[in-house]
């Protein structure tokens, strides 16, 4: 599970690492362009939802358990980017995403090629 922490004293929003990796790309692109937007998530326990207005001046941290970057699903990335640019903003259903990750349907991590060993010059 990964965490998104918004604001200096914000509570972490927990979500699967593959989802946060995609959200990070969308948020970074929008904020780099100086485009603020709304992000909303439904609480996984069904207790409601929360929304934040994302803008470049507010501290933001992405915390991942894994040191490996997950594979990027370009269809998911495009869908999230389109939502972030819409009037409704980016809406995440963490309950559905939690079930997706638990079922093993999360995007696979990219295969790493074996490191090449440098040969000494003769």
N, C-alpha and C. Protein backbone atom coordinates (compact mmCIF):
# COMPACT_ATOMS: atom_id res chain seq x y z
N UNK A 1 0.85 -1.17 0.00
CA UNK A 1 0.00 0.00 0.00
C UNK A 1 0.89 1.24 0.00
N UNK A 2 0.49 2.23 -0.74
CA UNK A 2 1.24 3.48 -0.85
C UNK A 2 0.42 4.59 -0.20
N UNK A 3 1.06 5.75 -0.02
CA UNK A 3 0.39 6.87 0.62
C UNK A 3 0.56 8.14 -0.18
N UNK A 4 -0.50 8.92 -0.25
CA UNK A 4 -0.47 10.27 -0.79
C UNK A 4 -0.70 11.19 0.40
N UNK A 5 0.21 12.10 0.63
CA UNK A 5 0.09 13.03 1.76
C UNK A 5 0.03 14.44 1.17
N UNK A 6 -1.09 15.12 1.41
CA UNK A 6 -1.31 16.45 0.85
C UNK A 6 -1.36 17.45 1.99
N UNK A 7 -0.54 18.47 1.91
CA UNK A 7 -0.46 19.47 2.96
C UNK A 7 0.57 19.08 3.98
N UNK A 8 1.08 20.07 4.70
CA UNK A 8 2.15 19.83 5.67
C UNK A 8 1.72 18.89 6.78
N UNK A 9 0.45 18.92 7.15
CA UNK A 9 -0.03 18.08 8.25
C UNK A 9 -1.20 17.19 7.82
N UNK A 10 -1.28 16.91 6.53
CA UNK A 10 -2.39 16.11 6.03
C UNK A 10 -2.29 14.65 6.44
N UNK A 11 -3.45 14.03 6.59
CA UNK A 11 -3.51 12.60 6.85
C UNK A 11 -3.21 11.87 5.55
N UNK A 12 -2.51 10.75 5.62
CA UNK A 12 -2.21 10.02 4.39
C UNK A 12 -3.46 9.37 3.80
N UNK A 13 -3.50 9.36 2.47
CA UNK A 13 -4.54 8.63 1.74
C UNK A 13 -3.87 7.36 1.26
N UNK A 14 -4.36 6.21 1.70
CA UNK A 14 -3.76 4.93 1.35
C UNK A 14 -4.40 4.39 0.08
N UNK A 15 -3.54 3.89 -0.83
CA UNK A 15 -4.03 3.30 -2.07
C UNK A 15 -2.98 2.33 -2.60
N UNK A 16 -3.36 1.44 -3.49
CA UNK A 16 -2.40 0.51 -4.07
C UNK A 16 -1.28 1.26 -4.80
N UNK A 17 -0.10 0.70 -4.75
CA UNK A 17 1.07 1.35 -5.35
C UNK A 17 0.88 1.62 -6.84
N UNK A 18 0.29 0.67 -7.57
CA UNK A 18 0.12 0.89 -9.01
C UNK A 18 -0.80 2.07 -9.29
N UNK A 19 -1.82 2.27 -8.46
CA UNK A 19 -2.71 3.41 -8.64
C UNK A 19 -1.98 4.72 -8.31
N UNK A 20 -1.27 4.75 -7.20
CA UNK A 20 -0.56 5.97 -6.83
C UNK A 20 0.49 6.35 -7.85
N UNK A 21 1.13 5.37 -8.46
CA UNK A 21 2.12 5.67 -9.51
C UNK A 21 1.46 6.42 -10.67
N UNK A 22 0.26 6.02 -11.03
CA UNK A 22 -0.47 6.68 -12.11
C UNK A 22 -0.97 8.06 -11.67
N UNK A 23 -1.49 8.14 -10.46
CA UNK A 23 -1.95 9.43 -9.92
C UNK A 23 -0.78 10.41 -9.85
N UNK A 24 0.38 9.93 -9.45
CA UNK A 24 1.57 10.78 -9.37
C UNK A 24 1.90 11.40 -10.73
N UNK A 25 1.85 10.62 -11.78
CA UNK A 25 2.14 11.13 -13.11
C UNK A 25 1.12 12.19 -13.54
N UNK A 26 -0.15 11.94 -13.27
CA UNK A 26 -1.19 12.90 -13.64
C UNK A 26 -1.03 14.18 -12.84
N UNK A 27 -0.86 14.06 -11.53
CA UNK A 27 -0.72 15.24 -10.66
C UNK A 27 0.51 16.04 -11.05
N UNK A 28 1.63 15.37 -11.24
CA UNK A 28 2.87 16.08 -11.59
C UNK A 28 2.72 16.84 -12.90
N UNK A 29 2.07 16.23 -13.88
CA UNK A 29 1.87 16.89 -15.17
C UNK A 29 0.98 18.12 -15.01
N UNK A 30 -0.13 17.96 -14.31
CA UNK A 30 -1.05 19.08 -14.12
C UNK A 30 -0.39 20.22 -13.35
N UNK A 31 0.28 19.90 -12.26
CA UNK A 31 0.89 20.95 -11.43
C UNK A 31 2.08 21.60 -12.13
N UNK A 32 2.81 20.83 -12.92
CA UNK A 32 3.93 21.40 -13.69
C UNK A 32 3.42 22.46 -14.66
N UNK A 33 2.22 22.23 -15.18
CA UNK A 33 1.59 23.19 -16.10
C UNK A 33 0.86 24.31 -15.36
N UNK A 34 0.97 24.29 -14.03
CA UNK A 34 0.31 25.27 -13.17
C UNK A 34 -1.21 25.17 -13.27
N UNK A 35 -1.72 23.95 -13.45
CA UNK A 35 -3.16 23.69 -13.55
C UNK A 35 -3.64 23.08 -12.25
N UNK A 36 -4.43 23.80 -11.50
CA UNK A 36 -5.02 23.28 -10.27
C UNK A 36 -6.25 22.46 -10.64
N UNK A 37 -6.62 21.52 -9.76
CA UNK A 37 -7.80 20.69 -10.02
C UNK A 37 -8.25 20.01 -8.75
N UNK A 38 -9.47 19.48 -8.77
CA UNK A 38 -10.06 18.78 -7.63
C UNK A 38 -9.78 17.29 -7.73
N UNK A 39 -9.43 16.69 -6.60
CA UNK A 39 -9.29 15.24 -6.53
C UNK A 39 -10.19 14.75 -5.39
N UNK A 40 -11.01 13.76 -5.69
CA UNK A 40 -11.96 13.20 -4.72
C UNK A 40 -11.74 11.70 -4.65
N UNK A 41 -11.88 11.15 -3.45
CA UNK A 41 -11.81 9.70 -3.31
C UNK A 41 -12.90 9.25 -2.36
N UNK A 42 -13.44 8.10 -2.67
CA UNK A 42 -14.42 7.46 -1.80
C UNK A 42 -13.66 6.65 -0.77
N UNK A 43 -14.08 6.74 0.46
CA UNK A 43 -13.40 5.99 1.51
C UNK A 43 -13.67 4.50 1.34
N UNK A 44 -12.62 3.68 1.43
CA UNK A 44 -12.79 2.24 1.21
C UNK A 44 -13.77 1.58 2.18
N UNK A 45 -13.92 2.15 3.38
CA UNK A 45 -14.82 1.54 4.37
C UNK A 45 -16.28 1.99 4.19
N UNK A 46 -16.54 2.79 3.14
CA UNK A 46 -17.91 3.23 2.87
C UNK A 46 -18.38 4.39 3.73
N UNK A 47 -17.48 4.99 4.49
CA UNK A 47 -17.87 6.05 5.43
C UNK A 47 -18.05 7.42 4.78
N UNK A 48 -17.83 7.54 3.50
CA UNK A 48 -18.01 8.84 2.84
C UNK A 48 -16.95 9.07 1.80
N UNK A 49 -16.66 10.34 1.57
CA UNK A 49 -15.64 10.70 0.59
C UNK A 49 -14.94 11.97 1.05
N UNK A 50 -13.78 12.22 0.48
CA UNK A 50 -13.00 13.41 0.76
C UNK A 50 -12.58 14.03 -0.56
N UNK A 51 -12.39 15.35 -0.56
CA UNK A 51 -11.91 16.06 -1.74
C UNK A 51 -10.83 17.05 -1.31
N UNK A 52 -9.87 17.24 -2.19
CA UNK A 52 -8.84 18.26 -1.99
C UNK A 52 -8.67 19.02 -3.29
N UNK A 53 -8.36 20.30 -3.17
CA UNK A 53 -8.04 21.14 -4.32
C UNK A 53 -6.53 21.10 -4.45
N UNK A 54 -6.04 20.49 -5.52
CA UNK A 54 -4.60 20.35 -5.73
C UNK A 54 -4.08 21.57 -6.46
N UNK A 55 -3.07 22.18 -5.88
CA UNK A 55 -2.43 23.34 -6.50
C UNK A 55 -0.94 23.31 -6.16
N UNK A 56 -0.12 23.96 -6.97
CA UNK A 56 1.33 23.85 -6.81
C UNK A 56 1.88 24.36 -5.48
N UNK A 57 1.19 25.25 -4.79
CA UNK A 57 1.74 25.84 -3.57
C UNK A 57 1.60 24.97 -2.33
N UNK A 58 0.86 23.87 -2.41
CA UNK A 58 0.63 23.00 -1.25
C UNK A 58 1.60 21.83 -1.29
N UNK A 59 2.29 21.54 -0.17
CA UNK A 59 3.21 20.39 -0.15
C UNK A 59 2.48 19.08 -0.45
N UNK A 60 3.14 18.23 -1.19
CA UNK A 60 2.56 16.96 -1.63
C UNK A 60 3.65 15.90 -1.60
N UNK A 61 3.34 14.74 -1.01
CA UNK A 61 4.30 13.63 -0.97
C UNK A 61 3.66 12.35 -1.42
N UNK A 62 4.43 11.58 -2.17
CA UNK A 62 4.01 10.25 -2.62
C UNK A 62 4.96 9.27 -1.95
N UNK A 63 4.42 8.34 -1.18
CA UNK A 63 5.25 7.39 -0.43
C UNK A 63 4.92 5.98 -0.92
N UNK A 64 5.95 5.27 -1.38
CA UNK A 64 5.78 3.91 -1.90
C UNK A 64 6.55 2.93 -1.03
N UNK A 65 6.01 1.74 -0.82
CA UNK A 65 6.71 0.70 -0.08
C UNK A 65 7.81 0.07 -0.92
N UNK A 66 7.55 -0.08 -2.22
CA UNK A 66 8.48 -0.77 -3.11
C UNK A 66 9.48 0.22 -3.70
N UNK A 67 10.69 -0.24 -3.92
CA UNK A 67 11.68 0.61 -4.59
C UNK A 67 11.53 0.51 -6.11
N UNK A 68 10.80 -0.49 -6.58
CA UNK A 68 10.60 -0.70 -8.01
C UNK A 68 9.43 0.14 -8.51
N UNK A 69 9.58 0.70 -9.71
CA UNK A 69 8.49 1.42 -10.36
C UNK A 69 7.53 0.41 -10.97
N UNK A 70 6.23 0.55 -10.73
CA UNK A 70 5.29 -0.37 -11.37
C UNK A 70 5.16 -0.06 -12.86
N UNK A 71 4.69 -1.02 -13.62
CA UNK A 71 4.43 -0.81 -15.05
C UNK A 71 3.32 0.20 -15.20
N UNK A 72 3.42 1.05 -16.21
CA UNK A 72 2.41 2.06 -16.45
C UNK A 72 1.39 1.53 -17.46
N UNK A 73 0.13 1.58 -17.05
CA UNK A 73 -0.99 1.20 -17.90
C UNK A 73 -1.44 2.49 -18.60
N UNK A 74 -1.14 2.61 -19.88
CA UNK A 74 -1.40 3.86 -20.59
C UNK A 74 -2.88 4.17 -20.72
N UNK A 75 -3.73 3.16 -20.76
CA UNK A 75 -5.18 3.39 -20.81
C UNK A 75 -5.66 3.97 -19.48
N UNK A 76 -5.17 3.42 -18.37
CA UNK A 76 -5.53 3.95 -17.05
C UNK A 76 -5.01 5.37 -16.90
N UNK A 77 -3.78 5.61 -17.34
CA UNK A 77 -3.18 6.94 -17.25
C UNK A 77 -4.01 7.96 -18.04
N UNK A 78 -4.40 7.60 -19.25
CA UNK A 78 -5.22 8.50 -20.08
C UNK A 78 -6.57 8.77 -19.44
N UNK A 79 -7.17 7.74 -18.85
CA UNK A 79 -8.46 7.90 -18.19
C UNK A 79 -8.36 8.84 -16.99
N UNK A 80 -7.32 8.66 -16.17
CA UNK A 80 -7.13 9.52 -15.01
C UNK A 80 -6.83 10.96 -15.43
N UNK A 81 -6.03 11.13 -16.47
CA UNK A 81 -5.69 12.47 -16.96
C UNK A 81 -6.94 13.18 -17.49
N UNK A 82 -7.78 12.47 -18.21
CA UNK A 82 -9.02 13.06 -18.73
C UNK A 82 -9.93 13.47 -17.58
N UNK A 83 -10.03 12.62 -16.57
CA UNK A 83 -10.87 12.94 -15.41
C UNK A 83 -10.34 14.17 -14.68
N UNK A 84 -9.02 14.26 -14.51
CA UNK A 84 -8.43 15.39 -13.82
C UNK A 84 -8.70 16.70 -14.55
N UNK A 85 -8.87 16.64 -15.86
CA UNK A 85 -9.14 17.84 -16.66
C UNK A 85 -10.62 18.13 -16.82
N UNK A 86 -11.47 17.28 -16.29
CA UNK A 86 -12.92 17.45 -16.42
C UNK A 86 -13.46 18.38 -15.33
N UNK A 87 -14.71 18.81 -15.50
CA UNK A 87 -15.35 19.65 -14.50
C UNK A 87 -15.49 18.96 -13.15
N UNK A 88 -15.68 17.65 -13.16
CA UNK A 88 -15.84 16.89 -11.92
C UNK A 88 -14.53 16.60 -11.22
N UNK A 89 -13.43 16.72 -11.92
CA UNK A 89 -12.12 16.45 -11.33
C UNK A 89 -11.82 14.96 -11.29
N UNK A 90 -10.69 14.64 -10.72
CA UNK A 90 -10.22 13.27 -10.61
C UNK A 90 -10.93 12.58 -9.45
N UNK A 91 -11.69 11.53 -9.73
CA UNK A 91 -12.42 10.80 -8.69
C UNK A 91 -11.87 9.39 -8.61
N UNK A 92 -11.37 9.03 -7.43
CA UNK A 92 -10.79 7.71 -7.20
C UNK A 92 -11.72 6.91 -6.30
N UNK A 93 -12.01 5.68 -6.69
CA UNK A 93 -12.79 4.78 -5.85
C UNK A 93 -11.81 3.78 -5.25
N UNK A 94 -11.32 4.09 -4.07
CA UNK A 94 -10.27 3.28 -3.45
C UNK A 94 -10.77 1.89 -3.07
N UNK A 95 -12.06 1.73 -2.85
CA UNK A 95 -12.61 0.41 -2.55
C UNK A 95 -12.45 -0.50 -3.76
N UNK A 96 -12.79 0.01 -4.94
CA UNK A 96 -12.64 -0.79 -6.16
C UNK A 96 -11.18 -1.06 -6.45
N UNK A 97 -10.32 -0.07 -6.26
CA UNK A 97 -8.90 -0.24 -6.54
C UNK A 97 -8.27 -1.22 -5.56
N UNK A 98 -8.74 -1.22 -4.31
CA UNK A 98 -8.22 -2.18 -3.33
C UNK A 98 -8.59 -3.60 -3.77
N UNK A 99 -9.81 -3.78 -4.23
CA UNK A 99 -10.23 -5.10 -4.69
C UNK A 99 -9.44 -5.52 -5.92
N UNK A 100 -9.17 -4.57 -6.81
CA UNK A 100 -8.39 -4.86 -8.02
C UNK A 100 -7.00 -5.36 -7.64
N UNK A 101 -6.35 -4.66 -6.72
CA UNK A 101 -5.00 -5.05 -6.31
C UNK A 101 -5.02 -6.39 -5.58
N UNK A 102 -6.04 -6.62 -4.75
CA UNK A 102 -6.12 -7.86 -3.98
C UNK A 102 -6.39 -9.06 -4.87
N UNK A 103 -7.05 -8.83 -6.00
CA UNK A 103 -7.40 -9.95 -6.88
C UNK A 103 -6.24 -10.39 -7.76
N UNK A 104 -5.17 -9.63 -7.72
CA UNK A 104 -4.03 -9.99 -8.55
C UNK A 104 -4.12 -9.43 -9.95
N UNK A 105 -5.11 -8.57 -10.21
CA UNK A 105 -5.27 -7.97 -11.53
C UNK A 105 -4.49 -6.68 -11.70
N UNK A 106 -3.69 -6.32 -10.72
CA UNK A 106 -2.90 -5.10 -10.83
C UNK A 106 -1.90 -5.26 -11.97
N UNK A 107 -1.56 -4.14 -12.62
CA UNK A 107 -0.59 -4.24 -13.71
C UNK A 107 0.72 -4.84 -13.22
N UNK A 108 1.32 -5.71 -14.00
CA UNK A 108 2.56 -6.35 -13.57
C UNK A 108 3.71 -5.36 -13.56
N UNK A 109 4.67 -5.66 -12.73
CA UNK A 109 5.88 -4.83 -12.71
C UNK A 109 6.73 -5.19 -13.92
N UNK A 110 7.45 -4.20 -14.47
CA UNK A 110 8.26 -4.51 -15.65
C UNK A 110 9.39 -5.47 -15.28
N UNK A 111 9.71 -6.33 -16.23
CA UNK A 111 10.84 -7.24 -16.04
C UNK A 111 12.13 -6.45 -16.10
N UNK A 112 13.05 -6.76 -15.24
CA UNK A 112 14.35 -6.09 -15.27
C UNK A 112 15.32 -6.98 -16.03
N UNK A 113 16.04 -6.37 -16.93
CA UNK A 113 17.07 -7.10 -17.65
C UNK A 113 18.25 -7.29 -16.72
N UNK A 114 18.94 -8.42 -16.84
CA UNK A 114 20.10 -8.62 -15.98
C UNK A 114 21.15 -7.54 -16.26
N UNK A 115 21.77 -7.07 -15.20
CA UNK A 115 22.81 -6.03 -15.36
C UNK A 115 23.99 -6.62 -16.11
N UNK A 116 24.48 -5.85 -17.06
CA UNK A 116 25.65 -6.31 -17.81
C UNK A 116 26.89 -6.05 -16.99
N UNK A 117 27.79 -6.99 -17.03
CA UNK A 117 29.03 -6.86 -16.28
C UNK A 117 30.07 -6.25 -17.19
N UNK A 118 30.68 -5.18 -16.69
CA UNK A 118 31.70 -4.50 -17.49
C UNK A 118 32.94 -5.39 -17.56
N UNK A 119 33.46 -5.55 -18.74
CA UNK A 119 34.66 -6.35 -18.96
C UNK A 119 35.88 -5.44 -18.89
N UNK A 120 36.92 -5.85 -18.18
CA UNK A 120 38.12 -5.02 -18.12
C UNK A 120 38.76 -4.91 -19.49
N UNK A 121 39.34 -3.75 -19.75
CA UNK A 121 40.03 -3.54 -21.05
C UNK A 121 41.25 -4.43 -21.11
N UNK A 122 41.52 -4.99 -22.29
CA UNK A 122 42.65 -5.91 -22.44
C UNK A 122 43.94 -5.18 -22.68
